[in-house]
Amino acid sequence: ADTFAQRAQFYYQERPQLLSLLQELYDTYLLLADRYCQSLHKHHRHNPGTTASSEHLSVTEDYHSDAESSLSYQLPPGQVQASPQLNQFDEIIAELVIKNVE
């Protein structure tokens, strides 16, 4: 049973470290998302005849801009869920988050 003083001390000691880790994680996420978008754009530029690639690029760029605005972005009601490729992208990000936190 921790006393209030012990909990307060822990909070004020650990909170800055947690915020620092979260900021680093967020910055890393944005960097990875930016690199992913750039690689899609580069791939699209080399293969201009593929329309599926351009649609995916557009979805990915929208997703990237949403990531910049908020970590807790949620789709508005009635909007179509992301494609399976974006879900795989989310899984990769989740793995990076877990490894970065460990």
PDB file of N, CA and C in Angstrom:
ATOM      1  N   ALA A   1       0.842  -1.185   0.000  1.00  0.00           N
ATOM      2  CA  ALA A   1       0.000   0.000   0.000  1.00  0.00           C
ATOM      3  C   ALA A   1       0.882   1.240   0.000  1.00  0.00           C
ATOM      4  N   ASP A   2       0.964   1.872  -1.149  1.00  0.00           N
ATOM      5  CA  ASP A   2       1.763   3.089  -1.273  1.00  0.00           C
ATOM      6  C   ASP A   2       1.042   4.263  -0.628  1.00  0.00           C
ATOM      7  N   THR A   3       1.823   5.128  -0.063  1.00  0.00           N
ATOM      8  CA  THR A   3       1.238   6.346   0.471  1.00  0.00           C
ATOM      9  C   THR A   3       1.048   7.327  -0.676  1.00  0.00           C
ATOM     10  N   PHE A   4       0.259   8.335  -0.424  1.00  0.00           N
ATOM     11  CA  PHE A   4       0.023   9.348  -1.445  1.00  0.00           C
ATOM     12  C   PHE A   4       1.333  10.025  -1.843  1.00  0.00           C
ATOM     13  N   ALA A   5       2.186  10.290  -0.882  1.00  0.00           N
ATOM     14  CA  ALA A   5       3.466  10.953  -1.161  1.00  0.00           C
ATOM     15  C   ALA A   5       4.342  10.089  -2.061  1.00  0.00           C
ATOM     16  N   GLN A   6       4.352   8.784  -1.826  1.00  0.00           N
ATOM     17  CA  GLN A   6       5.149   7.882  -2.659  1.00  0.00           C
ATOM     18  C   GLN A   6       4.604   7.846  -4.085  1.00  0.00           C
ATOM     19  N   ARG A   7       3.296   7.790  -4.206  1.00  0.00           N
ATOM     20  CA  ARG A   7       2.689   7.779  -5.537  1.00  0.00           C
ATOM     21  C   ARG A   7       2.942   9.091  -6.270  1.00  0.00           C
ATOM     22  N   ALA A   8       2.843  10.204  -5.555  1.00  0.00           N
ATOM     23  CA  ALA A   8       3.092  11.509  -6.169  1.00  0.00           C
ATOM     24  C   ALA A   8       4.547  11.628  -6.614  1.00  0.00           C
ATOM     25  N   GLN A   9       5.458  11.171  -5.772  1.00  0.00           N
ATOM     26  CA  GLN A   9       6.874  11.222  -6.122  1.00  0.00           C
ATOM     27  C   GLN A   9       7.143  10.361  -7.358  1.00  0.00           C
ATOM     28  N   PHE A  10       6.578   9.168  -7.394  1.00  0.00           N
ATOM     29  CA  PHE A  10       6.752   8.284  -8.544  1.00  0.00           C
ATOM     30  C   PHE A  10       6.193   8.941  -9.806  1.00  0.00           C
ATOM     31  N   TYR A  11       5.014   9.545  -9.674  1.00  0.00           N
ATOM     32  CA  TYR A  11       4.370  10.197 -10.818  1.00  0.00           C
ATOM     33  C   TYR A  11       5.252  11.307 -11.383  1.00  0.00           C
ATOM     34  N   TYR A  12       5.757  12.160 -10.514  1.00  0.00           N
ATOM     35  CA  TYR A  12       6.548  13.296 -10.993  1.00  0.00           C
ATOM     36  C   TYR A  12       7.940  12.899 -11.462  1.00  0.00           C
ATOM     37  N   GLN A  13       8.448  11.754 -11.011  1.00  0.00           N
ATOM     38  CA  GLN A  13       9.739  11.272 -11.497  1.00  0.00           C
ATOM     39  C   GLN A  13       9.591  10.528 -12.817  1.00  0.00           C
ATOM     40  N   GLU A  14       8.555   9.718 -12.942  1.00  0.00           N
ATOM     41  CA  GLU A  14       8.399   8.860 -14.113  1.00  0.00           C
ATOM     42  C   GLU A  14       7.665   9.527 -15.274  1.00  0.00           C
ATOM     43  N   ARG A  15       6.835  10.482 -14.998  1.00  0.00           N
ATOM     44  CA  ARG A  15       6.038  11.112 -16.052  1.00  0.00           C
ATOM     45  C   ARG A  15       6.902  11.761 -17.135  1.00  0.00           C
ATOM     46  N   PRO A  16       7.922  12.540 -16.793  1.00  0.00           N
ATOM     47  CA  PRO A  16       8.754  13.126 -17.862  1.00  0.00           C
ATOM     48  C   PRO A  16       9.435  12.061 -18.725  1.00  0.00           C
ATOM     49  N   GLN A  17       9.859  10.969 -18.105  1.00  0.00           N
ATOM     50  CA  GLN A  17      10.479   9.888 -18.873  1.00  0.00           C
ATOM     51  C   GLN A  17       9.468   9.263 -19.822  1.00  0.00           C
ATOM     52  N   LEU A  18       8.266   9.047 -19.342  1.00  0.00           N
ATOM     53  CA  LEU A  18       7.219   8.469 -20.174  1.00  0.00           C
ATOM     54  C   LEU A  18       6.880   9.396 -21.341  1.00  0.00           C
ATOM     55  N   LEU A  19       6.740  10.674 -21.061  1.00  0.00           N
ATOM     56  CA  LEU A  19       6.439  11.631 -22.127  1.00  0.00           C
ATOM     57  C   LEU A  19       7.567  11.693 -23.148  1.00  0.00           C
ATOM     58  N   SER A  20       8.798  11.603 -22.679  1.00  0.00           N
ATOM     59  CA  SER A  20       9.943  11.600 -23.587  1.00  0.00           C
ATOM     60  C   SER A  20       9.917  10.366 -24.484  1.00  0.00           C
ATOM     61  N   LEU A  21       9.628   9.204 -23.904  1.00  0.00           N
ATOM     62  CA  LEU A  21       9.540   7.973 -24.692  1.00  0.00           C
ATOM     63  C   LEU A  21       8.398   8.039 -25.702  1.00  0.00           C
ATOM     64  N   LEU A  22       7.263   8.574 -25.286  1.00  0.00           N
ATOM     65  CA  LEU A  22       6.128   8.696 -26.201  1.00  0.00           C
ATOM     66  C   LEU A  22       6.437   9.656 -27.349  1.00  0.00           C
ATOM     67  N   GLN A  23       7.128  10.756 -27.061  1.00  0.00           N
ATOM     68  CA  GLN A  23       7.496  11.697 -28.115  1.00  0.00           C
ATOM     69  C   GLN A  23       8.462  11.044 -29.091  1.00  0.00           C
ATOM     70  N   GLU A  24       9.433  10.290 -28.573  1.00  0.00           N
ATOM     71  CA  GLU A  24      10.382   9.586 -29.441  1.00  0.00           C
ATOM     72  C   GLU A  24       9.660   8.554 -30.301  1.00  0.00           C
ATOM     73  N   LEU A  25       8.725   7.841 -29.701  1.00  0.00           N
ATOM     74  CA  LEU A  25       7.947   6.849 -30.429  1.00  0.00           C
ATOM     75  C   LEU A  25       7.116   7.507 -31.528  1.00  0.00           C
ATOM     76  N   TYR A  26       6.477   8.606 -31.208  1.00  0.00           N
ATOM     77  CA  TYR A  26       5.664   9.332 -32.179  1.00  0.00           C
ATOM     78  C   TYR A  26       6.526   9.839 -33.334  1.00  0.00           C
ATOM     79  N   ASP A  27       7.685  10.412 -33.016  1.00  0.00           N
ATOM     80  CA  ASP A  27       8.587  10.905 -34.063  1.00  0.00           C
ATOM     81  C   ASP A  27       9.056   9.768 -34.962  1.00  0.00           C
ATOM     82  N   THR A  28       9.370   8.619 -34.356  1.00  0.00           N
ATOM     83  CA  THR A  28       9.802   7.455 -35.122  1.00  0.00           C
ATOM     84  C   THR A  28       8.678   6.959 -36.021  1.00  0.00           C
ATOM     85  N   TYR A  29       7.465   6.950 -35.504  1.00  0.00           N
ATOM     86  CA  TYR A  29       6.300   6.537 -36.284  1.00  0.00           C
ATOM     87  C   TYR A  29       6.114   7.445 -37.499  1.00  0.00           C
ATOM     88  N   LEU A  30       6.200   8.751 -37.291  1.00  0.00           N
ATOM     89  CA  LEU A  30       6.038   9.685 -38.406  1.00  0.00           C
ATOM     90  C   LEU A  30       7.148   9.523 -39.434  1.00  0.00           C
ATOM     91  N   LEU A  31       8.365   9.292 -38.976  1.00  0.00           N
ATOM     92  CA  LEU A  31       9.479   9.079 -39.896  1.00  0.00           C
ATOM     93  C   LEU A  31       9.248   7.826 -40.734  1.00  0.00           C
ATOM     94  N   LEU A  32       8.821   6.753 -40.080  1.00  0.00           N
ATOM     95  CA  LEU A  32       8.554   5.510 -40.794  1.00  0.00           C
ATOM     96  C   LEU A  32       7.408   5.687 -41.787  1.00  0.00           C
ATOM     97  N   ALA A  33       6.350   6.357 -41.372  1.00  0.00           N
ATOM     98  CA  ALA A  33       5.215   6.592 -42.267  1.00  0.00           C
ATOM     99  C   ALA A  33       5.640   7.447 -43.460  1.00  0.00           C
ATOM    100  N   ASP A  34       6.480   8.442 -43.223  1.00  0.00           N
ATOM    101  CA  ASP A  34       6.965   9.291 -44.310  1.00  0.00           C
ATOM    102  C   ASP A  34       7.817   8.492 -45.289  1.00  0.00           C
ATOM    103  N   ARG A  35       8.699   7.655 -44.774  1.00  0.00           N
ATOM    104  CA  ARG A  35       9.528   6.820 -45.651  1.00  0.00           C
ATOM    105  C   ARG A  35       8.665   5.861 -46.465  1.00  0.00           C
ATOM    106  N   TYR A  36       7.642   5.319 -45.832  1.00  0.00           N
ATOM    107  CA  TYR A  36       6.744   4.404 -46.527  1.00  0.00           C
ATOM    108  C   TYR A  36       6.029   5.132 -47.668  1.00  0.00           C
ATOM    109  N   CYS A  37       5.537   6.327 -47.392  1.00  0.00           N
ATOM    110  CA  CYS A  37       4.858   7.113 -48.431  1.00  0.00           C
ATOM    111  C   CYS A  37       5.813   7.469 -49.559  1.00  0.00           C
ATOM    112  N   GLN A  38       7.044   7.820 -49.216  1.00  0.00           N
ATOM    113  CA  GLN A  38       8.032   8.143 -50.244  1.00  0.00           C
ATOM    114  C   GLN A  38       8.346   6.929 -51.104  1.00  0.00           C
ATOM    115  N   SER A  39       8.455   5.756 -50.479  1.00  0.00           N
ATOM    116  CA  SER A  39       8.746   4.553 -51.262  1.00  0.00           C
ATOM    117  C   SER A  39       7.578   4.205 -52.176  1.00  0.00           C
ATOM    118  N   LEU A  40       6.342   4.409 -51.711  1.00  0.00           N
ATOM    119  CA  LEU A  40       5.179   4.181 -52.569  1.00  0.00           C
ATOM    120  C   LEU A  40       5.172   5.168 -53.728  1.00  0.00           C
ATOM    121  N   HIS A  41       5.503   6.411 -53.424  1.00  0.00           N
ATOM    122  CA  HIS A  41       5.535   7.434 -54.474  1.00  0.00           C
ATOM    123  C   HIS A  41       6.612   7.110 -55.505  1.00  0.00           C
ATOM    124  N   LYS A  42       7.766   6.685 -55.038  1.00  0.00           N
ATOM    125  CA  LYS A  42       8.858   6.328 -55.949  1.00  0.00           C
ATOM    126  C   LYS A  42       8.454   5.124 -56.801  1.00  0.00           C
ATOM    127  N   HIS A  43       7.816   4.140 -56.171  1.00  0.00           N
ATOM    128  CA  HIS A  43       7.355   2.955 -56.903  1.00  0.00           C
ATOM    129  C   HIS A  43       6.311   3.354 -57.942  1.00  0.00           C
ATOM    130  N   HIS A  44       5.407   4.233 -57.567  1.00  0.00           N
ATOM    131  CA  HIS A  44       4.355   4.685 -58.485  1.00  0.00           C
ATOM    132  C   HIS A  44       4.957   5.448 -59.664  1.00  0.00           C
ATOM    133  N   ARG A  45       5.989   6.227 -59.411  1.00  0.00           N
ATOM    134  CA  ARG A  45       6.631   6.995 -60.469  1.00  0.00           C
ATOM    135  C   ARG A  45       7.298   6.067 -61.482  1.00  0.00           C
ATOM    136  N   HIS A  46       7.833   4.924 -61.003  1.00  0.00           N
ATOM    137  CA  HIS A  46       8.476   3.975 -61.906  1.00  0.00           C
ATOM    138  C   HIS A  46       7.464   3.119 -62.657  1.00  0.00           C
ATOM    139  N   ASN A  47       6.256   2.953 -62.106  1.00  0.00           N
ATOM    140  CA  ASN A  47       5.202   2.151 -62.730  1.00  0.00           C
ATOM    141  C   ASN A  47       3.935   2.992 -62.863  1.00  0.00           C
ATOM    142  N   PRO A  48       3.901   3.970 -63.761  1.00  0.00           N
ATOM    143  CA  PRO A  48       2.750   4.881 -63.834  1.00  0.00           C
ATOM    144  C   PRO A  48       1.464   4.235 -64.336  1.00  0.00           C
ATOM    145  N   GLY A  49       1.519   3.056 -64.950  1.00  0.00           N
ATOM    146  CA  GLY A  49       0.326   2.435 -65.499  1.00  0.00           C
ATOM    147  C   GLY A  49      -0.528   1.714 -64.478  1.00  0.00           C
ATOM    148  N   THR A  50      -0.088   1.590 -63.256  1.00  0.00           N
ATOM    149  CA  THR A  50      -0.844   0.830 -62.261  1.00  0.00           C
ATOM    150  C   THR A  50      -1.767   1.758 -61.496  1.00  0.00           C
ATOM    151  N   THR A  51      -3.069   1.597 -61.699  1.00  0.00           N
ATOM    152  CA  THR A  51      -4.031   2.457 -61.014  1.00  0.00           C
ATOM    153  C   THR A  51      -4.216   2.036 -59.572  1.00  0.00           C
ATOM    154  N   ALA A  52      -4.104   0.759 -59.280  1.00  0.00           N
ATOM    155  CA  ALA A  52      -4.265   0.304 -57.897  1.00  0.00           C
ATOM    156  C   ALA A  52      -3.188   0.918 -57.021  1.00  0.00           C
ATOM    157  N   SER A  53      -2.003   1.052 -57.569  1.00  0.00           N
ATOM    158  CA  SER A  53      -0.910   1.655 -56.808  1.00  0.00           C
ATOM    159  C   SER A  53      -1.215   3.113 -56.493  1.00  0.00           C
ATOM    160  N   SER A  54      -1.781   3.845 -57.445  1.00  0.00           N
ATOM    161  CA  SER A  54      -2.086   5.251 -57.201  1.00  0.00           C
ATOM    162  C   SER A  54      -3.203   5.394 -56.172  1.00  0.00           C
ATOM    163  N   GLU A  55      -4.184   4.507 -56.213  1.00  0.00           N
ATOM    164  CA  GLU A  55      -5.245   4.552 -55.211  1.00  0.00           C
ATOM    165  C   GLU A  55      -4.670   4.266 -53.840  1.00  0.00           C
ATOM    166  N   HIS A  56      -3.781   3.284 -53.766  1.00  0.00           N
ATOM    167  CA  HIS A  56      -3.168   2.932 -52.490  1.00  0.00           C
ATOM    168  C   HIS A  56      -2.306   4.077 -51.986  1.00  0.00           C
ATOM    169  N   LEU A  57      -1.602   4.752 -52.883  1.00  0.00           N
ATOM    170  CA  LEU A  57      -0.779   5.889 -52.503  1.00  0.00           C
ATOM    171  C   LEU A  57      -1.648   6.985 -51.904  1.00  0.00           C
ATOM    172  N   SER A  58      -2.777   7.255 -52.522  1.00  0.00           N
ATOM    173  CA  SER A  58      -3.678   8.279 -52.018  1.00  0.00           C
ATOM    174  C   SER A  58      -4.183   7.922 -50.627  1.00  0.00           C
ATOM    175  N   VAL A  59      -4.591   6.683 -50.429  1.00  0.00           N
ATOM    176  CA  VAL A  59      -5.072   6.236 -49.122  1.00  0.00           C
ATOM    177  C   VAL A  59      -3.957   6.342 -48.096  1.00  0.00           C
ATOM    178  N   THR A  60      -2.750   5.945 -48.480  1.00  0.00           N
ATOM    179  CA  THR A  60      -1.624   5.982 -47.557  1.00  0.00           C
ATOM    180  C   THR A  60      -1.264   7.416 -47.189  1.00  0.00           C
ATOM    181  N   GLU A  61      -1.305   8.338 -48.154  1.00  0.00           N
ATOM    182  CA  GLU A  61      -1.009   9.733 -47.850  1.00  0.00           C
ATOM    183  C   GLU A  61      -2.055  10.314 -46.910  1.00  0.00           C
ATOM    184  N   ASP A  62      -3.330   9.971 -47.116  1.00  0.00           N
ATOM    185  CA  ASP A  62      -4.375  10.414 -46.204  1.00  0.00           C
ATOM    186  C   ASP A  62      -4.125   9.858 -44.815  1.00  0.00           C
ATOM    187  N   TYR A  63      -3.747   8.595 -44.759  1.00  0.00           N
ATOM    188  CA  TYR A  63      -3.480   7.942 -43.485  1.00  0.00           C
ATOM    189  C   TYR A  63      -2.310   8.627 -42.793  1.00  0.00           C
ATOM    190  N   HIS A  64      -1.267   8.969 -43.548  1.00  0.00           N
ATOM    191  CA  HIS A  64      -0.098   9.628 -42.985  1.00  0.00           C
ATOM    192  C   HIS A  64      -0.468  10.996 -42.420  1.00  0.00           C
ATOM    193  N   SER A  65      -1.272  11.756 -43.137  1.00  0.00           N
ATOM    194  CA  SER A  65      -1.645  13.076 -42.642  1.00  0.00           C
ATOM    195  C   SER A  65      -2.500  12.958 -41.387  1.00  0.00           C
ATOM    196  N   ASP A  66      -3.312  11.931 -41.296  1.00  0.00           N
ATOM    197  CA  ASP A  66      -4.085  11.701 -40.085  1.00  0.00           C
ATOM    198  C   ASP A  66      -3.167  11.361 -38.923  1.00  0.00           C
ATOM    199  N   ALA A  67      -2.115  10.597 -39.190  1.00  0.00           N
ATOM    200  CA  ALA A  67      -1.176  10.226 -38.137  1.00  0.00           C
ATOM    201  C   ALA A  67      -0.486  11.461 -37.587  1.00  0.00           C
ATOM    202  N   GLU A  68      -0.218  12.433 -38.436  1.00  0.00           N
ATOM    203  CA  GLU A  68       0.414  13.655 -37.970  1.00  0.00           C
ATOM    204  C   GLU A  68      -0.512  14.454 -37.065  1.00  0.00           C
ATOM    205  N   SER A  69      -1.804  14.401 -37.324  1.00  0.00           N
ATOM    206  CA  SER A  69      -2.723  15.219 -36.557  1.00  0.00           C
ATOM    207  C   SER A  69      -3.028  14.640 -35.183  1.00  0.00           C
ATOM    208  N   SER A  70      -2.998  13.321 -35.059  1.00  0.00           N
ATOM    209  CA  SER A  70      -3.353  12.723 -33.781  1.00  0.00           C
ATOM    210  C   SER A  70      -2.923  11.276 -33.731  1.00  0.00           C
ATOM    211  N   LEU A  71      -2.419  10.860 -32.568  1.00  0.00           N
ATOM    212  CA  LEU A  71      -2.073   9.451 -32.404  1.00  0.00           C
ATOM    213  C   LEU A  71      -3.323   8.599 -32.256  1.00  0.00           C
ATOM    214  N   SER A  72      -4.398   9.189 -31.788  1.00  0.00           N
ATOM    215  CA  SER A  72      -5.603   8.416 -31.521  1.00  0.00           C
ATOM    216  C   SER A  72      -6.674   8.656 -32.579  1.00  0.00           C
ATOM    217  N   TYR A  73      -6.273   8.815 -33.805  1.00  0.00           N
ATOM    218  CA  TYR A  73      -7.225   9.061 -34.890  1.00  0.00           C
ATOM    219  C   TYR A  73      -8.181   7.889 -35.031  1.00  0.00           C
ATOM    220  N   GLN A  74      -9.464   8.190 -35.169  1.00  0.00           N
ATOM    221  CA  GLN A  74     -10.472   7.163 -35.388  1.00  0.00           C
ATOM    222  C   GLN A  74     -11.255   7.533 -36.635  1.00  0.00           C
ATOM    223  N   LEU A  75     -11.627   6.507 -37.388  1.00  0.00           N
ATOM    224  CA  LEU A  75     -12.404   6.748 -38.599  1.00  0.00           C
ATOM    225  C   LEU A  75     -13.774   7.305 -38.241  1.00  0.00           C
ATOM    226  N   PRO A  76     -14.256   8.292 -38.988  1.00  0.00           N
ATOM    227  CA  PRO A  76     -15.604   8.799 -38.758  1.00  0.00           C
ATOM    228  C   PRO A  76     -16.632   7.703 -39.041  1.00  0.00           C
ATOM    229  N   PRO A  77     -17.794   7.754 -38.385  1.00  0.00           N
ATOM    230  CA  PRO A  77     -18.819   6.738 -38.624  1.00  0.00           C
ATOM    231  C   PRO A  77     -19.219   6.701 -40.093  1.00  0.00           C
ATOM    232  N   GLY A  78     -19.373   5.494 -40.621  1.00  0.00           N
ATOM    233  CA  GLY A  78     -19.795   5.324 -41.996  1.00  0.00           C
ATOM    234  C   GLY A  78     -18.668   5.278 -43.000  1.00  0.00           C
ATOM    235  N   GLN A  79     -17.438   5.549 -42.568  1.00  0.00           N
ATOM    236  CA  GLN A  79     -16.310   5.512 -43.508  1.00  0.00           C
ATOM    237  C   GLN A  79     -15.820   4.073 -43.638  1.00  0.00           C
ATOM    238  N   VAL A  80     -15.376   3.714 -44.826  1.00  0.00           N
ATOM    239  CA  VAL A  80     -14.922   2.360 -45.108  1.00  0.00           C
ATOM    240  C   VAL A  80     -13.621   2.092 -44.370  1.00  0.00           C
ATOM    241  N   GLN A  81     -13.494   0.862 -43.851  1.00  0.00           N
ATOM    242  CA  GLN A  81     -12.268   0.468 -43.163  1.00  0.00           C
ATOM    243  C   GLN A  81     -11.100   0.448 -44.133  1.00  0.00           C
ATOM    244  N   ALA A  82      -9.891   0.541 -43.602  1.00  0.00           N
ATOM    245  CA  ALA A  82      -8.676   0.549 -44.416  1.00  0.00           C
ATOM    246  C   ALA A  82      -8.478  -0.799 -45.096  1.00  0.00           C
ATOM    247  N   SER A  83      -7.714  -0.772 -46.173  1.00  0.00           N
ATOM    248  CA  SER A  83      -7.427  -1.991 -46.925  1.00  0.00           C
ATOM    249  C   SER A  83      -6.555  -2.930 -46.106  1.00  0.00           C
ATOM    250  N   PRO A  84      -6.501  -4.220 -46.479  1.00  0.00           N
ATOM    251  CA  PRO A  84      -5.648  -5.169 -45.756  1.00  0.00           C
ATOM    252  C   PRO A  84      -4.185  -4.744 -45.738  1.00  0.00           C
ATOM    253  N   GLN A  85      -3.715  -4.063 -46.793  1.00  0.00           N
ATOM    254  CA  GLN A  85      -2.321  -3.614 -46.805  1.00  0.00           C
ATOM    255  C   GLN A  85      -2.079  -2.564 -45.730  1.00  0.00           C
ATOM    256  N   LEU A  86      -3.034  -1.678 -45.496  1.00  0.00           N
ATOM    257  CA  LEU A  86      -2.874  -0.696 -44.432  1.00  0.00           C
ATOM    258  C   LEU A  86      -2.941  -1.365 -43.074  1.00  0.00           C
ATOM    259  N   ASN A  87      -3.753  -2.424 -42.953  1.00  0.00           N
ATOM    260  CA  ASN A  87      -3.788  -3.163 -41.700  1.00  0.00           C
ATOM    261  C   ASN A  87      -2.440  -3.813 -41.431  1.00  0.00           C
ATOM    262  N   GLN A  88      -1.780  -4.316 -42.465  1.00  0.00           N
ATOM    263  CA  GLN A  88      -0.437  -4.869 -42.299  1.00  0.00           C
ATOM    264  C   GLN A  88       0.525  -3.763 -41.879  1.00  0.00           C
ATOM    265  N   PHE A  89       0.357  -2.582 -42.437  1.00  0.00           N
ATOM    266  CA  PHE A  89       1.178  -1.435 -42.060  1.00  0.00           C
ATOM    267  C   PHE A  89       0.990  -1.138 -40.576  1.00  0.00           C
ATOM    268  N   ASP A  90      -0.263  -1.183 -40.097  1.00  0.00           N
ATOM    269  CA  ASP A  90      -0.539  -0.964 -38.683  1.00  0.00           C
ATOM    270  C   ASP A  90       0.132  -2.020 -37.818  1.00  0.00           C
ATOM    271  N   GLU A  91       0.142  -3.264 -38.280  1.00  0.00           N
ATOM    272  CA  GLU A  91       0.785  -4.330 -37.523  1.00  0.00           C
ATOM    273  C   GLU A  91       2.284  -4.093 -37.415  1.00  0.00           C
ATOM    274  N   ILE A  92       2.901  -3.630 -38.485  1.00  0.00           N
ATOM    275  CA  ILE A  92       4.334  -3.324 -38.458  1.00  0.00           C
ATOM    276  C   ILE A  92       4.603  -2.205 -37.459  1.00  0.00           C
ATOM    277  N   ILE A  93       3.771  -1.179 -37.484  1.00  0.00           N
ATOM    278  CA  ILE A  93       3.927  -0.068 -36.544  1.00  0.00           C
ATOM    279  C   ILE A  93       3.764  -0.564 -35.112  1.00  0.00           C
ATOM    280  N   ALA A  94       2.774  -1.427 -34.881  1.00  0.00           N
ATOM    281  CA  ALA A  94       2.560  -1.961 -33.537  1.00  0.00           C
ATOM    282  C   ALA A  94       3.779  -2.744 -33.062  1.00  0.00           C
ATOM    283  N   GLU A  95       4.375  -3.536 -33.947  1.00  0.00           N
ATOM    284  CA  GLU A  95       5.579  -4.279 -33.579  1.00  0.00           C
ATOM    285  C   GLU A  95       6.722  -3.333 -33.245  1.00  0.00           C
ATOM    286  N   LEU A  96       6.881  -2.273 -34.032  1.00  0.00           N
ATOM    287  CA  LEU A  96       7.932  -1.294 -33.744  1.00  0.00           C
ATOM    288  C   LEU A  96       7.693  -0.603 -32.407  1.00  0.00           C
ATOM    289  N   VAL A  97       6.431  -0.298 -32.124  1.00  0.00           N
ATOM    290  CA  VAL A  97       6.091   0.331 -30.854  1.00  0.00           C
ATOM    291  C   VAL A  97       6.476  -0.580 -29.702  1.00  0.00           C
ATOM    292  N   ILE A  98       6.102  -1.840 -29.800  1.00  0.00           N
ATOM    293  CA  ILE A  98       6.393  -2.794 -28.730  1.00  0.00           C
ATOM    294  C   ILE A  98       7.893  -2.938 -28.537  1.00  0.00           C
ATOM    295  N   LYS A  99       8.647  -3.063 -29.626  1.00  0.00           N
ATOM    296  CA  LYS A  99      10.100  -3.212 -29.519  1.00  0.00           C
ATOM    297  C   LYS A  99      10.747  -1.953 -28.967  1.00  0.00           C
ATOM    298  N   ASN A 100      10.217  -0.796 -29.326  1.00  0.00           N
ATOM    299  CA  ASN A 100      10.777   0.460 -28.840  1.00  0.00           C
ATOM    300  C   ASN A 100      10.502   0.644 -27.351  1.00  0.00           C
ATOM    301  N   VAL A 101       9.346   0.189 -26.897  1.00  0.00           N
ATOM    302  CA  VAL A 101       8.990   0.313 -25.487  1.00  0.00           C
ATOM    303  C   VAL A 101       9.813  -0.648 -24.633  1.00  0.00           C
ATOM    304  N   GLU A 102      10.083  -1.851 -25.177  1.00  0.00           N
ATOM    305  CA  GLU A 102      10.876  -2.831 -24.430  1.00  0.00           C
ATOM    306  C   GLU A 102      12.275  -2.318 -24.275  1.00  0.00           C
TER     307      GLU A 102
END
